[in-house]
Amino acid sequence: MSLPRLLLLSLGGTITMTRSSGGGIVPTLTASDLAATVPGLDAVAAIETLSPLRRPSAGLSLDDLIGVARTLIERLAGDLDGAVVIQGTDTIEETAFVLDRLVTSDKPVVVTGAMRGPESAGADGPANLLAAAIVAGSRAARGLGTLAVLNDEIHAARLVQKAHTALPSAFRSPLAGPLGLVIEGEARIHVRVGRSLPVVGPLAAEPPPVALVKIGLGDDGRLLAALPELGFAGAVIEGMGAGHVPEALAETVSGLVELMPVVLATRAQSGPVFCRTYGYPGGEIDLLRRGALSAGSLSGLKARLLLQLLLRAGLAPSAYGAFFAEP
């Protein structure tokens, strides 16, 4: 039986970083360099490599990810069976989410990286890359959208979060857990999730600025009130608990909704924004009645990216709700 054909596309990140003369580690390795270090990779898939960027993941932009999505859409329409996107772990959850919303192919797209550089003792890059290739070449992973694979765990893009700054086990899906595991060289999928509504069609070249504002105890709302003057085109509010703000901020939200789309998320690690429980001023019932849009179970980070994509797609705000709805 022929091996699956995979594209390994590298954007940089810790997995590609070696020590520099100036101190610290910096991106130097290409996708080809990485593939050559993975024992057994050639027995898993026929590999093509591409290295369009060598950046730390904190330096990636939404335009970079849109470019990656276009490459994947084009290549997956051909004879590839799947793709692995390699990058830094700082923004893996965001990259996976953007690709999940833009790449509509049923062929697996897997995002991976490493918590430790290749020159470190116990470097996790080769194992993560091998596991990612196994998943990307697996028929069991088809139709699941973009996945994040690290530490032999398979996570859905919508659910995955980076939960630790240092451990190889840094990634979690706190709402529902991983979809599956890589065991004995095989992708074992235990849970299948529905795919979210994709954002298709042309995207405007100009990236719309969308603010992400986390609300804390005693917040007086001056940052929210300043957003229009600062040129923001949209806002995501990470409210307390199930989507709440101090009572004094409720009118500020009303004023903001008249000027731009406002999405209400929660600052909690997991769980949805409520819609019909708390009725006090600043509670979720009040804020949704004032015109804020619920992020559902999306984190503030992902809600911000989705709002940016919707603004760039030129869709009417009345259509936004379907994109934030649970699949």
C-alpha atoms as a PDB file:
ATOM      1  CA  MET A   1       0.000   0.000   0.000  1.00  0.00           C
ATOM      2  CA  SER A   2       1.366   3.422  -0.940  1.00  0.00           C
ATOM      3  CA  LEU A   3       2.218   5.921   1.774  1.00  0.00           C
ATOM      4  CA  PRO A   4       0.075   9.054   2.248  1.00  0.00           C
ATOM      5  CA  ARG A   5       1.473  12.209   0.649  1.00  0.00           C
ATOM      6  CA  LEU A   6       1.914  15.048   3.133  1.00  0.00           C
ATOM      7  CA  LEU A   7       3.049  18.655   2.974  1.00  0.00           C
ATOM      8  CA  LEU A   8       5.174  19.857   5.911  1.00  0.00           C
ATOM      9  CA  LEU A   9       4.918  23.644   5.991  1.00  0.00           C
ATOM     10  CA  SER A  10       7.116  25.442   8.518  1.00  0.00           C
ATOM     11  CA  LEU A  11       6.606  28.967   9.839  1.00  0.00           C
ATOM     12  CA  GLY A  12       9.352  28.862  12.488  1.00  0.00           C
ATOM     13  CA  GLY A  13       8.944  28.651  16.257  1.00  0.00           C
ATOM     14  CA  THR A  14      10.828  26.933  19.069  1.00  0.00           C
ATOM     15  CA  ILE A  15      10.896  23.657  17.158  1.00  0.00           C
ATOM     16  CA  THR A  16      13.155  25.385  14.577  1.00  0.00           C
ATOM     17  CA  MET A  17      15.317  27.383  17.004  1.00  0.00           C
ATOM     18  CA  THR A  18      19.011  26.937  17.706  1.00  0.00           C
ATOM     19  CA  ARG A  19      21.319  28.941  19.936  1.00  0.00           C
ATOM     20  CA  SER A  20      22.551  32.253  18.572  1.00  0.00           C
ATOM     21  CA  SER A  21      25.859  33.995  19.226  1.00  0.00           C
ATOM     22  CA  GLY A  22      23.965  36.830  20.886  1.00  0.00           C
ATOM     23  CA  GLY A  23      22.386  34.521  23.478  1.00  0.00           C
ATOM     24  CA  GLY A  24      19.053  32.724  23.477  1.00  0.00           C
ATOM     25  CA  ILE A  25      17.568  30.685  20.659  1.00  0.00           C
ATOM     26  CA  VAL A  26      16.279  31.948  17.300  1.00  0.00           C
ATOM     27  CA  PRO A  27      14.553  30.334  14.280  1.00  0.00           C
ATOM     28  CA  THR A  28      17.095  28.791  11.916  1.00  0.00           C
ATOM     29  CA  LEU A  29      15.889  25.355  10.758  1.00  0.00           C
ATOM     30  CA  THR A  30      13.675  24.663   7.751  1.00  0.00           C
ATOM     31  CA  ALA A  31      10.961  22.059   7.305  1.00  0.00           C
ATOM     32  CA  SER A  32      13.496  19.905   5.435  1.00  0.00           C
ATOM     33  CA  ASP A  33      15.941  20.190   8.340  1.00  0.00           C
ATOM     34  CA  LEU A  34      13.245  19.105  10.775  1.00  0.00           C
ATOM     35  CA  ALA A  35      12.042  16.205   8.654  1.00  0.00           C
ATOM     36  CA  ALA A  36      15.589  14.836   8.502  1.00  0.00           C
ATOM     37  CA  THR A  37      15.720  14.602  12.334  1.00  0.00           C
ATOM     38  CA  VAL A  38      12.581  12.503  12.827  1.00  0.00           C
ATOM     39  CA  PRO A  39      13.248   8.746  13.096  1.00  0.00           C
ATOM     40  CA  GLY A  40      10.691   6.741  11.165  1.00  0.00           C
ATOM     41  CA  LEU A  41       9.065   9.668   9.368  1.00  0.00           C
ATOM     42  CA  ASP A  42       9.854   8.222   5.956  1.00  0.00           C
ATOM     43  CA  ALA A  43       7.941   5.074   6.928  1.00  0.00           C
ATOM     44  CA  VAL A  44       4.840   7.098   7.783  1.00  0.00           C
ATOM     45  CA  ALA A  45       4.423   9.336   4.734  1.00  0.00           C
ATOM     46  CA  ALA A  46       5.906  10.630   1.503  1.00  0.00           C
ATOM     47  CA  ILE A  47       6.964  14.112   2.536  1.00  0.00           C
ATOM     48  CA  GLU A  48       7.097  17.433   0.702  1.00  0.00           C
ATOM     49  CA  THR A  49       8.481  20.430   2.573  1.00  0.00           C
ATOM     50  CA  LEU A  50       7.903  24.164   2.366  1.00  0.00           C
ATOM     51  CA  SER A  51       9.329  26.899   4.607  1.00  0.00           C
ATOM     52  CA  PRO A  52       7.719  30.244   3.743  1.00  0.00           C
ATOM     53  CA  LEU A  53       8.628  31.869   7.085  1.00  0.00           C
ATOM     54  CA  ARG A  54      11.129  31.570   9.947  1.00  0.00           C
ATOM     55  CA  ARG A  55       9.555  33.523  12.778  1.00  0.00           C
ATOM     56  CA  PRO A  56       8.691  33.153  16.437  1.00  0.00           C
ATOM     57  CA  SER A  57       4.948  32.577  16.599  1.00  0.00           C
ATOM     58  CA  ALA A  58       4.377  35.845  18.466  1.00  0.00           C
ATOM     59  CA  GLY A  59       5.531  37.553  15.256  1.00  0.00           C
ATOM     60  CA  LEU A  60       2.933  35.937  13.002  1.00  0.00           C
ATOM     61  CA  SER A  61       0.056  38.005  11.629  1.00  0.00           C
ATOM     62  CA  LEU A  62      -3.450  37.198  10.466  1.00  0.00           C
ATOM     63  CA  ASP A  63      -2.291  37.959   6.920  1.00  0.00           C
ATOM     64  CA  ASP A  64       0.425  35.298   7.307  1.00  0.00           C
ATOM     65  CA  LEU A  65      -2.195  32.738   8.300  1.00  0.00           C
ATOM     66  CA  ILE A  66      -4.523  33.715   5.466  1.00  0.00           C
ATOM     67  CA  GLY A  67      -1.587  33.124   3.115  1.00  0.00           C
ATOM     68  CA  VAL A  68      -0.979  29.688   4.645  1.00  0.00           C
ATOM     69  CA  ALA A  69      -4.676  28.863   4.277  1.00  0.00           C
ATOM     70  CA  ARG A  70      -4.589  29.785   0.587  1.00  0.00           C
ATOM     71  CA  THR A  71      -1.570  27.535   0.056  1.00  0.00           C
ATOM     72  CA  LEU A  72      -3.278  24.649   1.823  1.00  0.00           C
ATOM     73  CA  ILE A  73      -6.536  25.097  -0.091  1.00  0.00           C
ATOM     74  CA  GLU A  74      -4.633  24.971  -3.370  1.00  0.00           C
ATOM     75  CA  ARG A  75      -2.384  22.034  -2.475  1.00  0.00           C
ATOM     76  CA  LEU A  76      -5.064  19.909  -0.782  1.00  0.00           C
ATOM     77  CA  ALA A  77      -7.185  20.194  -3.904  1.00  0.00           C
ATOM     78  CA  GLY A  78      -4.457  18.137  -5.617  1.00  0.00           C
ATOM     79  CA  ASP A  79      -2.959  14.767  -4.764  1.00  0.00           C
ATOM     80  CA  LEU A  80      -1.902  15.521  -1.173  1.00  0.00           C
ATOM     81  CA  ASP A  81      -3.550  13.460   1.556  1.00  0.00           C
ATOM     82  CA  GLY A  82      -2.957  15.974   4.338  1.00  0.00           C
ATOM     83  CA  ALA A  83      -0.728  18.710   5.683  1.00  0.00           C
ATOM     84  CA  VAL A  84       1.267  19.541   8.804  1.00  0.00           C
ATOM     85  CA  VAL A  85       1.832  23.177   9.746  1.00  0.00           C
ATOM     86  CA  ILE A  86       4.847  23.679  12.010  1.00  0.00           C
ATOM     87  CA  GLN A  87       5.150  26.777  14.184  1.00  0.00           C
ATOM     88  CA  GLY A  88       5.808  28.136  17.661  1.00  0.00           C
ATOM     89  CA  THR A  89       3.492  27.047  20.444  1.00  0.00           C
ATOM     90  CA  ASP A  90       2.649  30.559  21.694  1.00  0.00           C
ATOM     91  CA  THR A  91      -0.056  30.979  19.055  1.00  0.00           C
ATOM     92  CA  ILE A  92      -0.823  27.427  17.926  1.00  0.00           C
ATOM     93  CA  GLU A  93      -4.388  27.659  19.218  1.00  0.00           C
ATOM     94  CA  GLU A  94      -4.941  30.785  17.127  1.00  0.00           C
ATOM     95  CA  THR A  95      -3.333  29.423  13.954  1.00  0.00           C
ATOM     96  CA  ALA A  96      -5.295  26.169  14.208  1.00  0.00           C
ATOM     97  CA  PHE A  97      -8.532  28.121  14.664  1.00  0.00           C
ATOM     98  CA  VAL A  98      -7.950  30.415  11.678  1.00  0.00           C
ATOM     99  CA  LEU A  99      -7.043  27.490   9.412  1.00  0.00           C
ATOM    100  CA  ASP A 100     -10.080  25.583  10.659  1.00  0.00           C
ATOM    101  CA  ARG A 101     -12.335  28.457   9.554  1.00  0.00           C
ATOM    102  CA  LEU A 102     -10.677  29.026   6.169  1.00  0.00           C
ATOM    103  CA  VAL A 103      -9.624  25.578   4.887  1.00  0.00           C
ATOM    104  CA  THR A 104     -12.729  23.627   3.909  1.00  0.00           C
ATOM    105  CA  SER A 105     -11.085  20.429   2.658  1.00  0.00           C
ATOM    106  CA  ASP A 106     -11.942  17.205   4.491  1.00  0.00           C
ATOM    107  CA  LYS A 107      -8.272  16.219   4.288  1.00  0.00           C
ATOM    108  CA  PRO A 108      -6.520  16.581   7.671  1.00  0.00           C
ATOM    109  CA  VAL A 109      -4.608  19.740   8.503  1.00  0.00           C
ATOM    110  CA  VAL A 110      -2.523  19.382  11.657  1.00  0.00           C
ATOM    111  CA  VAL A 111      -0.667  22.142  13.514  1.00  0.00           C
ATOM    112  CA  THR A 112       2.256  21.201  15.737  1.00  0.00           C
ATOM    113  CA  GLY A 113       5.388  22.604  17.359  1.00  0.00           C
ATOM    114  CA  ALA A 114       7.603  22.050  20.380  1.00  0.00           C
ATOM    115  CA  MET A 115       7.979  23.364  23.894  1.00  0.00           C
ATOM    116  CA  ARG A 116      11.726  22.663  23.899  1.00  0.00           C
ATOM    117  CA  GLY A 117      14.269  23.635  21.274  1.00  0.00           C
ATOM    118  CA  PRO A 118      16.054  20.936  19.242  1.00  0.00           C
ATOM    119  CA  GLU A 119      19.307  21.420  21.180  1.00  0.00           C
ATOM    120  CA  SER A 120      17.598  20.866  24.551  1.00  0.00           C
ATOM    121  CA  ALA A 121      17.720  17.649  26.537  1.00  0.00           C
ATOM    122  CA  GLY A 122      14.406  15.896  25.973  1.00  0.00           C
ATOM    123  CA  ALA A 123      13.513  17.953  22.905  1.00  0.00           C
ATOM    124  CA  ASP A 124       9.896  17.164  22.028  1.00  0.00           C
ATOM    125  CA  GLY A 125       9.933  18.399  18.437  1.00  0.00           C
ATOM    126  CA  PRO A 126      10.704  15.099  16.644  1.00  0.00           C
ATOM    127  CA  ALA A 127       8.042  13.167  18.562  1.00  0.00           C
ATOM    128  CA  ASN A 128       5.444  15.886  17.970  1.00  0.00           C
ATOM    129  CA  LEU A 129       6.270  16.068  14.283  1.00  0.00           C
ATOM    130  CA  LEU A 130       6.030  12.292  13.877  1.00  0.00           C
ATOM    131  CA  ALA A 131       2.682  12.185  15.714  1.00  0.00           C
ATOM    132  CA  ALA A 132       1.378  15.084  13.629  1.00  0.00           C
ATOM    133  CA  ALA A 133       2.356  13.283  10.410  1.00  0.00           C
ATOM    134  CA  ILE A 134       0.637  10.101  11.580  1.00  0.00           C
ATOM    135  CA  VAL A 135      -2.580  12.039  12.203  1.00  0.00           C
ATOM    136  CA  ALA A 136      -2.362  14.059   8.974  1.00  0.00           C
ATOM    137  CA  GLY A 137      -1.997  10.829   6.986  1.00  0.00           C
ATOM    138  CA  SER A 138      -4.798   9.017   8.786  1.00  0.00           C
ATOM    139  CA  ARG A 139      -8.194   8.477   7.180  1.00  0.00           C
ATOM    140  CA  ALA A 140      -9.669   8.521  10.686  1.00  0.00           C
ATOM    141  CA  ALA A 141      -8.778  12.225  10.981  1.00  0.00           C
ATOM    142  CA  ARG A 142     -10.657  13.218   7.830  1.00  0.00           C
ATOM    143  CA  GLY A 143     -13.598  15.557   8.266  1.00  0.00           C
ATOM    144  CA  LEU A 144     -12.496  16.836  11.675  1.00  0.00           C
ATOM    145  CA  GLY A 145     -11.188  20.174  10.431  1.00  0.00           C
ATOM    146  CA  THR A 146      -7.856  21.518  11.590  1.00  0.00           C
ATOM    147  CA  LEU A 147      -6.284  19.716  14.543  1.00  0.00           C
ATOM    148  CA  ALA A 148      -3.474  20.465  16.981  1.00  0.00           C
ATOM    149  CA  VAL A 149      -1.260  17.489  17.832  1.00  0.00           C
ATOM    150  CA  LEU A 150       1.304  17.685  20.635  1.00  0.00           C
ATOM    151  CA  ASN A 151       2.386  15.283  23.373  1.00  0.00           C
ATOM    152  CA  ASP A 152       0.583  12.477  21.454  1.00  0.00           C
ATOM    153  CA  GLU A 153      -2.789  14.195  22.041  1.00  0.00           C
ATOM    154  CA  ILE A 154      -5.147  15.188  19.221  1.00  0.00           C
ATOM    155  CA  HIS A 155      -7.080  18.400  19.871  1.00  0.00           C
ATOM    156  CA  ALA A 156      -9.836  20.166  17.941  1.00  0.00           C
ATOM    157  CA  ALA A 157      -8.912  23.685  16.820  1.00  0.00           C
ATOM    158  CA  ARG A 158     -12.055  25.160  18.354  1.00  0.00           C
ATOM    159  CA  LEU A 159     -11.286  23.732  21.801  1.00  0.00           C
ATOM    160  CA  VAL A 160      -7.502  23.664  22.259  1.00  0.00           C
ATOM    161  CA  GLN A 161      -5.674  26.115  24.544  1.00  0.00           C
ATOM    162  CA  LYS A 162      -2.099  26.541  25.656  1.00  0.00           C
ATOM    163  CA  ALA A 163      -2.316  26.052  29.421  1.00  0.00           C
ATOM    164  CA  HIS A 164       1.319  26.127  30.584  1.00  0.00           C
ATOM    165  CA  THR A 165       4.406  28.136  29.657  1.00  0.00           C
ATOM    166  CA  ALA A 166       6.971  25.348  29.974  1.00  0.00           C
ATOM    167  CA  LEU A 167       5.722  21.746  30.118  1.00  0.00           C
ATOM    168  CA  PRO A 168       5.605  19.451  27.061  1.00  0.00           C
ATOM    169  CA  SER A 169       2.050  18.683  28.192  1.00  0.00           C
ATOM    170  CA  ALA A 170       1.146  22.371  27.833  1.00  0.00           C
ATOM    171  CA  PHE A 171      -1.910  21.909  25.610  1.00  0.00           C
ATOM    172  CA  ARG A 172      -5.397  21.201  26.895  1.00  0.00           C
ATOM    173  CA  SER A 173      -8.972  21.199  25.656  1.00  0.00           C
ATOM    174  CA  PRO A 174     -10.583  22.015  29.002  1.00  0.00           C
ATOM    175  CA  LEU A 175     -14.170  22.050  27.750  1.00  0.00           C
ATOM    176  CA  ALA A 176     -14.226  18.489  26.394  1.00  0.00           C
ATOM    177  CA  GLY A 177     -10.739  16.967  26.387  1.00  0.00           C
ATOM    178  CA  PRO A 178      -8.702  15.752  23.401  1.00  0.00           C
ATOM    179  CA  LEU A 179     -10.448  14.050  20.502  1.00  0.00           C
ATOM    180  CA  GLY A 180      -7.972  11.197  20.540  1.00  0.00           C
ATOM    181  CA  LEU A 181      -4.416   9.989  20.976  1.00  0.00           C
ATOM    182  CA  VAL A 182      -1.508   8.719  18.917  1.00  0.00           C
ATOM    183  CA  ILE A 183      -0.722   5.234  20.233  1.00  0.00           C
ATOM    184  CA  GLU A 184       1.466   2.540  18.674  1.00  0.00           C
ATOM    185  CA  GLY A 185       1.930   4.617  15.559  1.00  0.00           C
ATOM    186  CA  GLU A 186      -1.802   5.023  14.967  1.00  0.00           C
ATOM    187  CA  ALA A 187      -4.244   7.920  15.283  1.00  0.00           C
ATOM    188  CA  ARG A 188      -7.008   6.735  17.581  1.00  0.00           C
ATOM    189  CA  ILE A 189     -10.002   9.088  17.448  1.00  0.00           C
ATOM    190  CA  HIS A 190     -12.372   8.669  20.403  1.00  0.00           C
ATOM    191  CA  VAL A 191     -14.632  11.671  19.856  1.00  0.00           C
ATOM    192  CA  ARG A 192     -15.798  13.251  16.597  1.00  0.00           C
ATOM    193  CA  VAL A 193     -16.937  16.869  16.575  1.00  0.00           C
ATOM    194  CA  GLY A 194     -19.004  18.812  14.069  1.00  0.00           C
ATOM    195  CA  ARG A 195     -17.218  21.379  11.938  1.00  0.00           C
ATOM    196  CA  SER A 196     -17.862  25.069  12.472  1.00  0.00           C
ATOM    197  CA  LEU A 197     -19.279  27.251   9.706  1.00  0.00           C
ATOM    198  CA  PRO A 198     -16.356  28.241   7.449  1.00  0.00           C
ATOM    199  CA  VAL A 199     -15.611  31.760   6.268  1.00  0.00           C
ATOM    200  CA  VAL A 200     -15.422  31.469   2.485  1.00  0.00           C
ATOM    201  CA  GLY A 201     -14.983  33.938  -0.327  1.00  0.00           C
ATOM    202  CA  PRO A 202     -12.634  36.884  -0.816  1.00  0.00           C
ATOM    203  CA  LEU A 203     -11.221  38.696   2.207  1.00  0.00           C
ATOM    204  CA  ALA A 204     -10.460  42.410   2.203  1.00  0.00           C
ATOM    205  CA  ALA A 205      -6.758  43.253   2.096  1.00  0.00           C
ATOM    206  CA  GLU A 206      -6.940  45.756   4.943  1.00  0.00           C
ATOM    207  CA  PRO A 207      -6.918  44.000   8.336  1.00  0.00           C
ATOM    208  CA  PRO A 208      -9.621  45.507  10.583  1.00  0.00           C
ATOM    209  CA  PRO A 209      -8.385  46.250  14.100  1.00  0.00           C
ATOM    210  CA  VAL A 210     -10.415  44.392  16.741  1.00  0.00           C
ATOM    211  CA  ALA A 211      -9.813  45.032  20.426  1.00  0.00           C
ATOM    212  CA  LEU A 212      -9.737  42.295  23.058  1.00  0.00           C
ATOM    213  CA  VAL A 213     -10.557  43.695  26.494  1.00  0.00           C
ATOM    214  CA  LYS A 214     -10.560  41.614  29.676  1.00  0.00           C
ATOM    215  CA  ILE A 215     -12.765  42.997  32.452  1.00  0.00           C
ATOM    216  CA  GLY A 216     -11.446  42.981  36.010  1.00  0.00           C
ATOM    217  CA  LEU A 217     -12.869  43.811  39.427  1.00  0.00           C
ATOM    218  CA  GLY A 218     -13.688  47.511  39.663  1.00  0.00           C
ATOM    219  CA  ASP A 219     -13.000  48.217  35.973  1.00  0.00           C
ATOM    220  CA  ASP A 220     -14.241  51.739  35.212  1.00  0.00           C
ATOM    221  CA  GLY A 221     -14.695  51.166  31.487  1.00  0.00           C
ATOM    222  CA  ARG A 222     -12.401  53.914  30.227  1.00  0.00           C
ATOM    223  CA  LEU A 223     -10.593  51.510  27.888  1.00  0.00           C
ATOM    224  CA  LEU A 224     -13.872  50.347  26.338  1.00  0.00           C
ATOM    225  CA  ALA A 225     -15.039  53.940  25.936  1.00  0.00           C
ATOM    226  CA  ALA A 226     -11.805  54.888  24.163  1.00  0.00           C
ATOM    227  CA  LEU A 227     -11.984  52.159  21.501  1.00  0.00           C
ATOM    228  CA  PRO A 228     -13.812  54.213  18.829  1.00  0.00           C
ATOM    229  CA  GLU A 229     -11.338  57.102  19.122  1.00  0.00           C
ATOM    230  CA  LEU A 230      -8.474  54.622  18.835  1.00  0.00           C
ATOM    231  CA  GLY A 231      -9.781  53.451  15.462  1.00  0.00           C
ATOM    232  CA  PHE A 232     -11.031  49.980  16.348  1.00  0.00           C
ATOM    233  CA  ALA A 233     -13.558  48.375  14.019  1.00  0.00           C
ATOM    234  CA  GLY A 234     -14.828  45.809  16.515  1.00  0.00           C
ATOM    235  CA  ALA A 235     -14.427  44.640  20.097  1.00  0.00           C
ATOM    236  CA  VAL A 236     -14.410  41.404  22.066  1.00  0.00           C
ATOM    237  CA  ILE A 237     -15.131  41.761  25.768  1.00  0.00           C
ATOM    238  CA  GLU A 238     -13.916  39.001  28.070  1.00  0.00           C
ATOM    239  CA  GLY A 239     -16.485  39.365  30.821  1.00  0.00           C
ATOM    240  CA  MET A 240     -16.451  37.895  34.285  1.00  0.00           C
ATOM    241  CA  GLY A 241     -17.972  34.476  34.884  1.00  0.00           C
ATOM    242  CA  ALA A 242     -20.624  33.598  32.323  1.00  0.00           C
ATOM    243  CA  GLY A 243     -20.293  36.975  30.570  1.00  0.00           C
ATOM    244  CA  HIS A 244     -20.728  39.818  33.033  1.00  0.00           C
ATOM    245  CA  VAL A 245     -19.381  43.333  33.549  1.00  0.00           C
ATOM    246  CA  PRO A 246     -19.755  45.841  36.390  1.00  0.00           C
ATOM    247  CA  GLU A 247     -23.121  47.633  36.292  1.00  0.00           C
ATOM    248  CA  ALA A 248     -21.452  50.959  35.496  1.00  0.00           C
ATOM    249  CA  LEU A 249     -20.098  49.531  32.227  1.00  0.00           C
ATOM    250  CA  ALA A 250     -23.484  48.466  30.816  1.00  0.00           C
ATOM    251  CA  GLU A 251     -24.195  51.870  29.260  1.00  0.00           C
ATOM    252  CA  THR A 252     -20.652  51.957  27.865  1.00  0.00           C
ATOM    253  CA  VAL A 253     -21.365  48.683  26.088  1.00  0.00           C
ATOM    254  CA  SER A 254     -24.605  50.154  24.698  1.00  0.00           C
ATOM    255  CA  GLY A 255     -22.706  53.104  23.239  1.00  0.00           C
ATOM    256  CA  LEU A 256     -20.073  50.829  21.768  1.00  0.00           C
ATOM    257  CA  VAL A 257     -22.630  48.543  20.087  1.00  0.00           C
ATOM    258  CA  GLU A 258     -23.980  51.539  18.160  1.00  0.00           C
ATOM    259  CA  LEU A 259     -20.538  52.093  16.602  1.00  0.00           C
ATOM    260  CA  MET A 260     -19.096  48.618  16.024  1.00  0.00           C
ATOM    261  CA  PRO A 261     -19.807  44.896  16.440  1.00  0.00           C
ATOM    262  CA  VAL A 262     -19.225  43.810  20.045  1.00  0.00           C
ATOM    263  CA  VAL A 263     -18.765  40.166  21.016  1.00  0.00           C
ATOM    264  CA  LEU A 264     -19.195  38.982  24.601  1.00  0.00           C
ATOM    265  CA  ALA A 265     -16.862  36.171  25.713  1.00  0.00           C
ATOM    266  CA  THR A 266     -15.806  34.963  29.159  1.00  0.00           C
ATOM    267  CA  ARG A 267     -12.459  35.368  30.854  1.00  0.00           C
ATOM    268  CA  ALA A 268     -12.931  31.925  32.457  1.00  0.00           C
ATOM    269  CA  GLN A 269     -10.755  29.117  31.094  1.00  0.00           C
ATOM    270  CA  SER A 270     -13.723  27.210  29.710  1.00  0.00           C
ATOM    271  CA  GLY A 271     -17.477  27.160  29.512  1.00  0.00           C
ATOM    272  CA  PRO A 272     -20.000  29.118  27.448  1.00  0.00           C
ATOM    273  CA  VAL A 273     -21.349  32.614  27.784  1.00  0.00           C
ATOM    274  CA  PHE A 274     -24.813  32.295  29.347  1.00  0.00           C
ATOM    275  CA  CYS A 275     -27.881  33.765  27.679  1.00  0.00           C
ATOM    276  CA  ARG A 276     -30.834  33.550  30.077  1.00  0.00           C
ATOM    277  CA  THR A 277     -29.745  33.348  33.711  1.00  0.00           C
ATOM    278  CA  TYR A 278     -28.469  36.668  35.090  1.00  0.00           C
ATOM    279  CA  GLY A 279     -30.798  39.616  34.590  1.00  0.00           C
ATOM    280  CA  TYR A 280     -29.092  42.443  36.479  1.00  0.00           C
ATOM    281  CA  PRO A 281     -27.556  45.437  34.647  1.00  0.00           C
ATOM    282  CA  GLY A 282     -24.235  44.205  33.291  1.00  0.00           C
ATOM    283  CA  GLY A 283     -25.351  40.565  33.366  1.00  0.00           C
ATOM    284  CA  GLU A 284     -25.402  38.516  30.177  1.00  0.00           C
ATOM    285  CA  ILE A 285     -29.165  38.950  29.555  1.00  0.00           C
ATOM    286  CA  ASP A 286     -28.751  42.721  29.787  1.00  0.00           C
ATOM    287  CA  LEU A 287     -25.640  42.876  27.572  1.00  0.00           C
ATOM    288  CA  LEU A 288     -27.116  40.639  24.873  1.00  0.00           C
ATOM    289  CA  ARG A 289     -30.294  42.753  24.850  1.00  0.00           C
ATOM    290  CA  ARG A 290     -28.124  45.820  24.367  1.00  0.00           C
ATOM    291  CA  GLY A 291     -26.800  44.263  21.163  1.00  0.00           C
ATOM    292  CA  ALA A 292     -23.648  42.402  22.171  1.00  0.00           C
ATOM    293  CA  LEU A 293     -23.152  39.105  20.342  1.00  0.00           C
ATOM    294  CA  SER A 294     -22.388  35.939  22.300  1.00  0.00           C
ATOM    295  CA  ALA A 295     -19.076  34.184  21.609  1.00  0.00           C
ATOM    296  CA  GLY A 296     -20.632  30.948  22.844  1.00  0.00           C
ATOM    297  CA  SER A 297     -17.824  28.673  24.001  1.00  0.00           C
ATOM    298  CA  LEU A 298     -15.090  30.403  22.032  1.00  0.00           C
ATOM    299  CA  SER A 299     -12.243  31.952  23.988  1.00  0.00           C
ATOM    300  CA  GLY A 300     -11.708  35.676  23.651  1.00  0.00           C
ATOM    301  CA  LEU A 301      -8.603  35.020  21.530  1.00  0.00           C
ATOM    302  CA  LYS A 302     -10.550  32.965  19.003  1.00  0.00           C
ATOM    303  CA  ALA A 303     -13.611  35.213  19.064  1.00  0.00           C
ATOM    304  CA  ARG A 304     -11.364  38.154  18.140  1.00  0.00           C
ATOM    305  CA  LEU A 305      -9.898  36.280  15.160  1.00  0.00           C
ATOM    306  CA  LEU A 306     -13.325  35.190  13.951  1.00  0.00           C
ATOM    307  CA  LEU A 307     -14.653  38.745  14.177  1.00  0.00           C
ATOM    308  CA  GLN A 308     -11.655  39.967  12.164  1.00  0.00           C
ATOM    309  CA  LEU A 309     -12.341  37.359   9.473  1.00  0.00           C
ATOM    310  CA  LEU A 310     -16.045  38.271   9.332  1.00  0.00           C
ATOM    311  CA  LEU A 311     -15.227  41.963   8.997  1.00  0.00           C
ATOM    312  CA  ARG A 312     -12.746  41.216   6.225  1.00  0.00           C
ATOM    313  CA  ALA A 313     -15.324  39.040   4.473  1.00  0.00           C
ATOM    314  CA  GLY A 314     -17.697  42.013   4.354  1.00  0.00           C
ATOM    315  CA  LEU A 315     -20.620  40.074   5.806  1.00  0.00           C
ATOM    316  CA  ALA A 316     -23.589  41.867   7.323  1.00  0.00           C
ATOM    317  CA  PRO A 317     -23.446  41.918  11.138  1.00  0.00           C
ATOM    318  CA  SER A 318     -26.849  40.205  11.195  1.00  0.00           C
ATOM    319  CA  ALA A 319     -25.118  37.101   9.784  1.00  0.00           C
ATOM    320  CA  TYR A 320     -22.415  36.905  12.454  1.00  0.00           C
ATOM    321  CA  GLY A 321     -24.398  34.842  14.952  1.00  0.00           C
ATOM    322  CA  ALA A 322     -24.317  31.707  12.803  1.00  0.00           C
ATOM    323  CA  PHE A 323     -20.518  31.745  12.783  1.00  0.00           C
ATOM    324  CA  PHE A 324     -20.268  31.944  16.578  1.00  0.00           C
ATOM    325  CA  ALA A 325     -22.904  29.230  17.118  1.00  0.00           C
ATOM    326  CA  GLU A 326     -21.857  25.809  18.390  1.00  0.00           C
ATOM    327  CA  PRO A 327     -21.334  23.359  15.496  1.00  0.00           C
END
